[in-house]
Amino acid sequence: MTPPTTDRAMIIAERGAPWAPWAERFRALGPDVVVVLQHVGEPIADLAARVRARLVELEAAGQAPQRAVLVGGGRVDRDALSARSLTLRAVASSMARTGGGSVVLDDAGADRYSMAALAATVSMLVRGTGVTVDHAAMPGTPRPLAA
């Protein structure tokens, strides 16, 4: 794979998630922000599949993200947990293949504990790869990411 050519960021947002503050934050850090939003009526598993397909495209073009956020929409059901896990692992794997990066999971309140647990679990799995995974301190409030 071709290494990234710019500081690219990716926002992945579930339906109803407060993702706009992340767009402002990422645009301040660099001009390239890819946004993947869950469509009305789209199953969350389909969102995860679209994210994975988009990551393949970005990697092939040498534009894999170095920063990403997964913004939850508040769901705590099994389908949401599974889709988030697939999405997060795809993002972290892409970053590991292309030199590392930083991923944050932001929640909508109700999903705070499941997002924190997922971030902690995947953080342990990617240890030593150059990828960091963290959970946002407050819903909808972007935290600074490593430069």
N, C-alpha and C. Protein backbone atom coordinates (compact mmCIF):
# COMPACT_ATOMS: atom_id res chain seq x y z
N MET A 1 0.83 -1.19 0.00
CA MET A 1 0.00 0.00 0.00
C MET A 1 0.87 1.25 0.00
N THR A 2 0.35 2.29 -0.60
CA THR A 2 1.03 3.57 -0.64
C THR A 2 0.81 4.31 0.67
N PRO A 3 1.86 4.89 1.26
CA PRO A 3 1.67 5.64 2.50
C PRO A 3 0.82 6.88 2.27
N PRO A 4 0.14 7.36 3.32
CA PRO A 4 -0.68 8.55 3.18
C PRO A 4 0.15 9.75 2.73
N THR A 5 -0.46 10.61 1.90
CA THR A 5 0.24 11.77 1.38
C THR A 5 -0.11 13.05 2.12
N THR A 6 -1.11 13.01 2.96
CA THR A 6 -1.53 14.20 3.68
C THR A 6 -2.15 13.79 5.00
N ASP A 7 -2.37 14.75 5.86
CA ASP A 7 -3.00 14.49 7.15
C ASP A 7 -4.51 14.41 6.93
N ARG A 8 -5.00 13.22 6.65
CA ARG A 8 -6.41 13.01 6.34
C ARG A 8 -7.14 12.52 7.58
N ALA A 9 -8.36 12.99 7.74
CA ALA A 9 -9.21 12.59 8.86
C ALA A 9 -10.48 11.96 8.33
N MET A 10 -11.10 11.13 9.16
CA MET A 10 -12.35 10.48 8.79
C MET A 10 -13.32 10.60 9.96
N ILE A 11 -14.55 10.98 9.64
CA ILE A 11 -15.63 11.02 10.61
C ILE A 11 -16.64 9.97 10.19
N ILE A 12 -16.97 9.09 11.12
CA ILE A 12 -17.99 8.07 10.89
C ILE A 12 -19.08 8.35 11.91
N ALA A 13 -20.29 8.63 11.43
CA ALA A 13 -21.35 9.03 12.35
C ALA A 13 -22.62 8.23 12.12
N GLU A 14 -23.12 7.70 13.21
CA GLU A 14 -24.40 7.01 13.18
C GLU A 14 -25.52 8.03 13.08
N ARG A 15 -26.67 7.59 12.63
CA ARG A 15 -27.83 8.47 12.47
C ARG A 15 -28.11 9.22 13.77
N GLY A 16 -28.22 10.55 13.69
CA GLY A 16 -28.53 11.39 14.83
C GLY A 16 -27.35 11.75 15.70
N ALA A 17 -26.17 11.31 15.32
CA ALA A 17 -24.98 11.58 16.13
C ALA A 17 -24.49 13.02 15.92
N PRO A 18 -24.00 13.66 16.97
CA PRO A 18 -23.49 15.03 16.88
C PRO A 18 -22.07 15.07 16.30
N TRP A 19 -21.94 15.04 15.00
CA TRP A 19 -20.63 14.92 14.36
C TRP A 19 -20.06 16.27 13.90
N ALA A 20 -20.87 17.31 13.80
CA ALA A 20 -20.39 18.59 13.26
C ALA A 20 -19.21 19.18 14.05
N PRO A 21 -19.18 19.11 15.40
CA PRO A 21 -18.00 19.65 16.10
C PRO A 21 -16.71 18.95 15.68
N TRP A 22 -16.80 17.68 15.33
CA TRP A 22 -15.60 16.96 14.89
C TRP A 22 -15.13 17.47 13.53
N ALA A 23 -16.06 17.82 12.65
CA ALA A 23 -15.67 18.35 11.34
C ALA A 23 -14.89 19.65 11.51
N GLU A 24 -15.37 20.50 12.39
CA GLU A 24 -14.67 21.75 12.64
C GLU A 24 -13.27 21.49 13.22
N ARG A 25 -13.19 20.58 14.17
CA ARG A 25 -11.90 20.25 14.80
C ARG A 25 -10.91 19.70 13.78
N PHE A 26 -11.36 18.73 12.99
CA PHE A 26 -10.47 18.10 12.01
C PHE A 26 -10.07 19.07 10.91
N ARG A 27 -10.97 19.94 10.47
CA ARG A 27 -10.63 20.91 9.43
C ARG A 27 -9.57 21.89 9.92
N ALA A 28 -9.55 22.15 11.22
CA ALA A 28 -8.52 23.04 11.78
C ALA A 28 -7.16 22.36 11.76
N LEU A 29 -7.13 21.03 11.77
CA LEU A 29 -5.87 20.29 11.78
C LEU A 29 -5.36 19.98 10.38
N GLY A 30 -6.24 19.97 9.40
CA GLY A 30 -5.85 19.66 8.02
C GLY A 30 -7.05 19.75 7.12
N PRO A 31 -6.82 19.95 5.84
CA PRO A 31 -7.91 20.22 4.91
C PRO A 31 -8.73 18.99 4.49
N ASP A 32 -8.18 17.80 4.65
CA ASP A 32 -8.84 16.61 4.12
C ASP A 32 -9.64 15.88 5.19
N VAL A 33 -10.97 15.95 5.08
CA VAL A 33 -11.86 15.26 6.01
C VAL A 33 -12.87 14.46 5.20
N VAL A 34 -12.87 13.15 5.43
CA VAL A 34 -13.84 12.27 4.80
C VAL A 34 -14.94 12.02 5.82
N VAL A 35 -16.19 12.21 5.41
CA VAL A 35 -17.32 12.02 6.31
C VAL A 35 -18.19 10.89 5.77
N VAL A 36 -18.48 9.92 6.62
CA VAL A 36 -19.36 8.81 6.27
C VAL A 36 -20.50 8.82 7.28
N LEU A 37 -21.71 9.14 6.79
CA LEU A 37 -22.88 9.25 7.66
C LEU A 37 -23.84 8.10 7.39
N GLN A 38 -24.50 7.65 8.44
CA GLN A 38 -25.52 6.61 8.28
C GLN A 38 -26.75 7.25 7.64
N HIS A 39 -27.22 6.64 6.56
CA HIS A 39 -28.40 7.15 5.85
C HIS A 39 -29.68 6.82 6.62
N VAL A 40 -30.72 7.59 6.37
CA VAL A 40 -32.02 7.31 6.96
C VAL A 40 -32.44 5.89 6.56
N GLY A 41 -32.79 5.10 7.54
CA GLY A 41 -33.25 3.74 7.28
C GLY A 41 -32.16 2.73 6.98
N GLU A 42 -30.92 3.17 6.95
CA GLU A 42 -29.81 2.25 6.65
C GLU A 42 -29.48 1.42 7.88
N PRO A 43 -29.45 0.09 7.73
CA PRO A 43 -29.01 -0.73 8.87
C PRO A 43 -27.58 -0.39 9.26
N ILE A 44 -27.31 -0.44 10.54
CA ILE A 44 -25.99 -0.07 11.02
C ILE A 44 -24.90 -0.98 10.46
N ALA A 45 -25.24 -2.23 10.17
CA ALA A 45 -24.26 -3.14 9.56
C ALA A 45 -23.87 -2.66 8.17
N ASP A 46 -24.82 -2.06 7.46
CA ASP A 46 -24.51 -1.52 6.13
C ASP A 46 -23.59 -0.31 6.22
N LEU A 47 -23.77 0.50 7.26
CA LEU A 47 -22.85 1.61 7.47
C LEU A 47 -21.43 1.08 7.68
N ALA A 48 -21.29 0.04 8.50
CA ALA A 48 -19.97 -0.55 8.75
C ALA A 48 -19.36 -1.06 7.45
N ALA A 49 -20.16 -1.67 6.60
CA ALA A 49 -19.66 -2.18 5.31
C ALA A 49 -19.22 -1.03 4.41
N ARG A 50 -19.98 0.06 4.41
CA ARG A 50 -19.58 1.22 3.59
C ARG A 50 -18.28 1.82 4.08
N VAL A 51 -18.10 1.87 5.38
CA VAL A 51 -16.85 2.40 5.94
C VAL A 51 -15.68 1.53 5.50
N ARG A 52 -15.84 0.23 5.61
CA ARG A 52 -14.74 -0.67 5.20
C ARG A 52 -14.42 -0.51 3.72
N ALA A 53 -15.44 -0.39 2.88
CA ALA A 53 -15.21 -0.20 1.45
C ALA A 53 -14.51 1.14 1.18
N ARG A 54 -14.90 2.16 1.90
CA ARG A 54 -14.28 3.48 1.71
C ARG A 54 -12.82 3.46 2.14
N LEU A 55 -12.51 2.75 3.21
CA LEU A 55 -11.12 2.62 3.66
C LEU A 55 -10.26 1.93 2.61
N VAL A 56 -10.79 0.91 1.97
CA VAL A 56 -10.05 0.22 0.90
C VAL A 56 -9.74 1.20 -0.23
N GLU A 57 -10.73 2.00 -0.61
CA GLU A 57 -10.53 3.00 -1.67
C GLU A 57 -9.46 4.02 -1.27
N LEU A 58 -9.56 4.51 -0.05
CA LEU A 58 -8.60 5.52 0.42
C LEU A 58 -7.19 4.97 0.49
N GLU A 59 -7.04 3.76 0.99
CA GLU A 59 -5.71 3.14 1.06
C GLU A 59 -5.12 2.98 -0.33
N ALA A 60 -5.92 2.51 -1.27
CA ALA A 60 -5.44 2.29 -2.64
C ALA A 60 -4.98 3.59 -3.28
N ALA A 61 -5.59 4.70 -2.89
CA ALA A 61 -5.22 6.01 -3.43
C ALA A 61 -4.13 6.69 -2.60
N GLY A 62 -3.61 6.00 -1.58
CA GLY A 62 -2.59 6.61 -0.73
C GLY A 62 -3.13 7.70 0.16
N GLN A 63 -4.42 7.62 0.49
CA GLN A 63 -5.06 8.67 1.27
C GLN A 63 -5.75 8.12 2.52
N ALA A 64 -5.19 7.09 3.11
CA ALA A 64 -5.78 6.50 4.32
C ALA A 64 -5.80 7.53 5.44
N PRO A 65 -6.84 7.53 6.27
CA PRO A 65 -6.90 8.50 7.36
C PRO A 65 -5.87 8.23 8.44
N GLN A 66 -5.39 9.30 9.02
CA GLN A 66 -4.47 9.21 10.15
C GLN A 66 -5.17 9.59 11.45
N ARG A 67 -6.34 10.19 11.32
CA ARG A 67 -7.18 10.53 12.46
C ARG A 67 -8.60 10.10 12.10
N ALA A 68 -9.31 9.60 13.10
CA ALA A 68 -10.70 9.22 12.84
C ALA A 68 -11.50 9.31 14.13
N VAL A 69 -12.79 9.49 13.94
CA VAL A 69 -13.72 9.46 15.06
C VAL A 69 -14.94 8.65 14.63
N LEU A 70 -15.41 7.82 15.54
CA LEU A 70 -16.66 7.10 15.37
C LEU A 70 -17.62 7.71 16.37
N VAL A 71 -18.65 8.39 15.86
CA VAL A 71 -19.60 9.09 16.72
C VAL A 71 -20.87 8.27 16.80
N GLY A 72 -21.16 7.78 17.99
CA GLY A 72 -22.32 6.93 18.20
C GLY A 72 -23.61 7.74 18.27
N GLY A 73 -24.69 7.05 17.93
CA GLY A 73 -26.01 7.68 17.94
C GLY A 73 -26.83 7.33 19.16
N GLY A 74 -26.23 6.65 20.13
CA GLY A 74 -26.94 6.34 21.37
C GLY A 74 -27.44 4.92 21.49
N ARG A 75 -27.32 4.14 20.43
CA ARG A 75 -27.82 2.77 20.48
C ARG A 75 -26.93 1.89 21.35
N VAL A 76 -27.54 0.92 22.03
CA VAL A 76 -26.79 -0.01 22.86
C VAL A 76 -27.17 -1.46 22.56
N ASP A 77 -27.82 -1.69 21.44
CA ASP A 77 -28.24 -3.04 21.08
C ASP A 77 -27.10 -3.84 20.46
N ARG A 78 -27.31 -5.13 20.33
CA ARG A 78 -26.29 -6.04 19.82
C ARG A 78 -25.82 -5.66 18.41
N ASP A 79 -26.75 -5.27 17.53
CA ASP A 79 -26.36 -4.90 16.17
C ASP A 79 -25.42 -3.70 16.15
N ALA A 80 -25.72 -2.72 16.99
CA ALA A 80 -24.86 -1.53 17.06
C ALA A 80 -23.48 -1.88 17.58
N LEU A 81 -23.43 -2.68 18.63
CA LEU A 81 -22.13 -3.07 19.20
C LEU A 81 -21.29 -3.84 18.18
N SER A 82 -21.91 -4.75 17.48
CA SER A 82 -21.19 -5.54 16.47
C SER A 82 -20.69 -4.65 15.33
N ALA A 83 -21.55 -3.79 14.83
CA ALA A 83 -21.16 -2.91 13.71
C ALA A 83 -20.05 -1.95 14.12
N ARG A 84 -20.14 -1.41 15.33
CA ARG A 84 -19.09 -0.51 15.80
C ARG A 84 -17.76 -1.24 15.92
N SER A 85 -17.81 -2.45 16.42
CA SER A 85 -16.58 -3.23 16.55
C SER A 85 -15.94 -3.47 15.18
N LEU A 86 -16.75 -3.86 14.20
CA LEU A 86 -16.22 -4.07 12.85
C LEU A 86 -15.65 -2.78 12.27
N THR A 87 -16.36 -1.69 12.46
CA THR A 87 -15.91 -0.40 11.95
C THR A 87 -14.60 0.02 12.59
N LEU A 88 -14.55 -0.04 13.90
CA LEU A 88 -13.34 0.38 14.61
C LEU A 88 -12.14 -0.48 14.23
N ARG A 89 -12.34 -1.78 14.15
CA ARG A 89 -11.22 -2.65 13.78
C ARG A 89 -10.76 -2.38 12.35
N ALA A 90 -11.67 -2.07 11.45
CA ALA A 90 -11.29 -1.74 10.07
C ALA A 90 -10.47 -0.45 10.03
N VAL A 91 -10.90 0.56 10.76
CA VAL A 91 -10.17 1.84 10.79
C VAL A 91 -8.79 1.64 11.39
N ALA A 92 -8.73 0.96 12.54
CA ALA A 92 -7.44 0.75 13.21
C ALA A 92 -6.51 -0.09 12.34
N SER A 93 -7.03 -1.10 11.67
CA SER A 93 -6.19 -1.93 10.78
C SER A 93 -5.64 -1.12 9.62
N SER A 94 -6.48 -0.28 9.04
CA SER A 94 -6.03 0.58 7.93
C SER A 94 -4.91 1.50 8.41
N MET A 95 -5.09 2.09 9.58
CA MET A 95 -4.06 2.98 10.12
C MET A 95 -2.77 2.23 10.40
N ALA A 96 -2.88 1.03 10.95
CA ALA A 96 -1.69 0.24 11.26
C ALA A 96 -0.92 -0.10 9.98
N ARG A 97 -1.64 -0.42 8.90
CA ARG A 97 -0.99 -0.76 7.64
C ARG A 97 -0.30 0.43 6.99
N THR A 98 -0.77 1.64 7.33
CA THR A 98 -0.24 2.83 6.65
C THR A 98 0.53 3.76 7.57
N GLY A 99 1.04 3.22 8.67
CA GLY A 99 1.95 4.01 9.50
C GLY A 99 1.42 4.51 10.82
N GLY A 100 0.19 4.20 11.17
CA GLY A 100 -0.34 4.58 12.47
C GLY A 100 -1.36 5.69 12.39
N GLY A 101 -1.92 6.02 13.55
CA GLY A 101 -2.93 7.06 13.60
C GLY A 101 -3.63 7.08 14.93
N SER A 102 -4.69 7.84 14.99
CA SER A 102 -5.43 8.05 16.23
C SER A 102 -6.92 7.95 15.97
N VAL A 103 -7.62 7.14 16.77
CA VAL A 103 -9.06 6.96 16.65
C VAL A 103 -9.71 7.30 17.98
N VAL A 104 -10.82 8.02 17.91
CA VAL A 104 -11.59 8.35 19.10
C VAL A 104 -13.01 7.84 18.90
N LEU A 105 -13.58 7.28 19.95
CA LEU A 105 -14.99 6.91 19.96
C LEU A 105 -15.72 7.95 20.79
N ASP A 106 -16.70 8.58 20.19
CA ASP A 106 -17.51 9.60 20.87
C ASP A 106 -18.91 9.01 21.02
N ASP A 107 -19.56 9.31 22.13
CA ASP A 107 -20.86 8.70 22.37
C ASP A 107 -21.96 9.76 22.48
N ALA A 108 -23.19 9.26 22.49
CA ALA A 108 -24.35 10.15 22.59
C ALA A 108 -24.99 10.06 23.97
N GLY A 109 -24.27 9.52 24.94
CA GLY A 109 -24.78 9.45 26.30
C GLY A 109 -25.20 8.04 26.68
N ALA A 110 -26.26 7.54 26.08
CA ALA A 110 -26.75 6.21 26.42
C ALA A 110 -25.74 5.12 26.11
N ASP A 111 -24.93 5.36 25.11
CA ASP A 111 -23.95 4.35 24.69
C ASP A 111 -22.55 4.61 25.26
N ARG A 112 -22.47 5.46 26.26
CA ARG A 112 -21.18 5.85 26.85
C ARG A 112 -20.36 4.64 27.30
N TYR A 113 -20.95 3.75 28.06
CA TYR A 113 -20.17 2.64 28.63
C TYR A 113 -19.77 1.62 27.58
N SER A 114 -20.64 1.35 26.63
CA SER A 114 -20.27 0.39 25.59
C SER A 114 -19.18 0.96 24.68
N MET A 115 -19.22 2.26 24.41
CA MET A 115 -18.18 2.88 23.59
C MET A 115 -16.85 2.90 24.34
N ALA A 116 -16.89 3.19 25.64
CA ALA A 116 -15.66 3.20 26.44
C ALA A 116 -15.05 1.80 26.49
N ALA A 117 -15.89 0.78 26.66
CA ALA A 117 -15.40 -0.60 26.72
C ALA A 117 -14.81 -1.02 25.38
N LEU A 118 -15.47 -0.65 24.29
CA LEU A 118 -14.95 -0.99 22.96
C LEU A 118 -13.61 -0.31 22.71
N ALA A 119 -13.51 0.96 23.08
CA ALA A 119 -12.24 1.68 22.91
C ALA A 119 -11.13 1.02 23.71
N ALA A 120 -11.41 0.65 24.94
CA ALA A 120 -10.39 0.02 25.79
C ALA A 120 -9.95 -1.33 25.22
N THR A 121 -10.91 -2.10 24.73
CA THR A 121 -10.60 -3.42 24.18
C THR A 121 -9.73 -3.31 22.93
N VAL A 122 -10.15 -2.48 21.99
CA VAL A 122 -9.40 -2.35 20.74
C VAL A 122 -8.05 -1.67 20.99
N SER A 123 -7.99 -0.78 21.95
CA SER A 123 -6.72 -0.14 22.29
C SER A 123 -5.69 -1.18 22.69
N MET A 124 -6.11 -2.18 23.45
CA MET A 124 -5.18 -3.25 23.83
C MET A 124 -4.77 -4.09 22.62
N LEU A 125 -5.69 -4.30 21.70
CA LEU A 125 -5.40 -5.13 20.53
C LEU A 125 -4.41 -4.48 19.58
N VAL A 126 -4.40 -3.15 19.53
CA VAL A 126 -3.53 -2.45 18.58
C VAL A 126 -2.24 -1.95 19.21
N ARG A 127 -2.01 -2.31 20.44
CA ARG A 127 -0.79 -1.88 21.13
C ARG A 127 0.44 -2.25 20.29
N GLY A 128 1.34 -1.30 20.11
CA GLY A 128 2.57 -1.54 19.36
C GLY A 128 2.45 -1.33 17.86
N THR A 129 1.27 -0.95 17.37
CA THR A 129 1.07 -0.77 15.93
C THR A 129 1.21 0.68 15.48
N GLY A 130 1.33 1.61 16.44
CA GLY A 130 1.35 3.02 16.08
C GLY A 130 -0.05 3.63 16.05
N VAL A 131 -1.05 2.85 16.43
CA VAL A 131 -2.43 3.32 16.44
C VAL A 131 -2.87 3.49 17.89
N THR A 132 -3.51 4.62 18.18
CA THR A 132 -4.10 4.82 19.49
C THR A 132 -5.62 4.85 19.35
N VAL A 133 -6.29 4.28 20.33
CA VAL A 133 -7.76 4.27 20.36
C VAL A 133 -8.18 4.79 21.71
N ASP A 134 -9.09 5.76 21.71
CA ASP A 134 -9.51 6.38 22.95
C ASP A 134 -11.01 6.64 22.91
N HIS A 135 -11.56 6.94 24.06
CA HIS A 135 -12.97 7.29 24.19
C HIS A 135 -13.05 8.77 24.55
N ALA A 136 -13.95 9.49 23.91
CA ALA A 136 -14.10 10.92 24.19
C ALA A 136 -14.60 11.12 25.62
N ALA A 137 -14.10 12.16 26.26
CA ALA A 137 -14.43 12.42 27.66
C ALA A 137 -15.88 12.84 27.84
N MET A 138 -16.42 13.60 26.91
CA MET A 138 -17.78 14.07 27.03
C MET A 138 -18.48 13.93 25.69
N PRO A 139 -19.75 13.51 25.69
CA PRO A 139 -20.46 13.34 24.42
C PRO A 139 -20.47 14.61 23.60
N GLY A 140 -20.14 14.49 22.33
CA GLY A 140 -20.20 15.61 21.42
C GLY A 140 -19.12 16.65 21.61
N THR A 141 -18.18 16.42 22.49
CA THR A 141 -17.11 17.38 22.74
C THR A 141 -15.80 16.81 22.28
N PRO A 142 -15.29 17.25 21.14
CA PRO A 142 -14.03 16.70 20.65
C PRO A 142 -12.88 16.98 21.60
N ARG A 143 -12.06 15.96 21.80
CA ARG A 143 -10.84 16.12 22.57
C ARG A 143 -9.69 16.29 21.59
N PRO A 144 -8.65 16.95 22.00
CA PRO A 144 -7.50 17.08 21.10
C PRO A 144 -6.92 15.70 20.78
N LEU A 145 -6.54 15.52 19.54
CA LEU A 145 -5.89 14.30 19.11
C LEU A 145 -4.41 14.58 18.96
N ALA A 146 -3.62 13.55 19.09
CA ALA A 146 -2.17 13.70 18.94
C ALA A 146 -1.85 14.30 17.59
N ALA A 147 -0.91 15.20 17.57
CA ALA A 147 -0.52 15.86 16.30
C ALA A 147 0.36 14.95 15.48
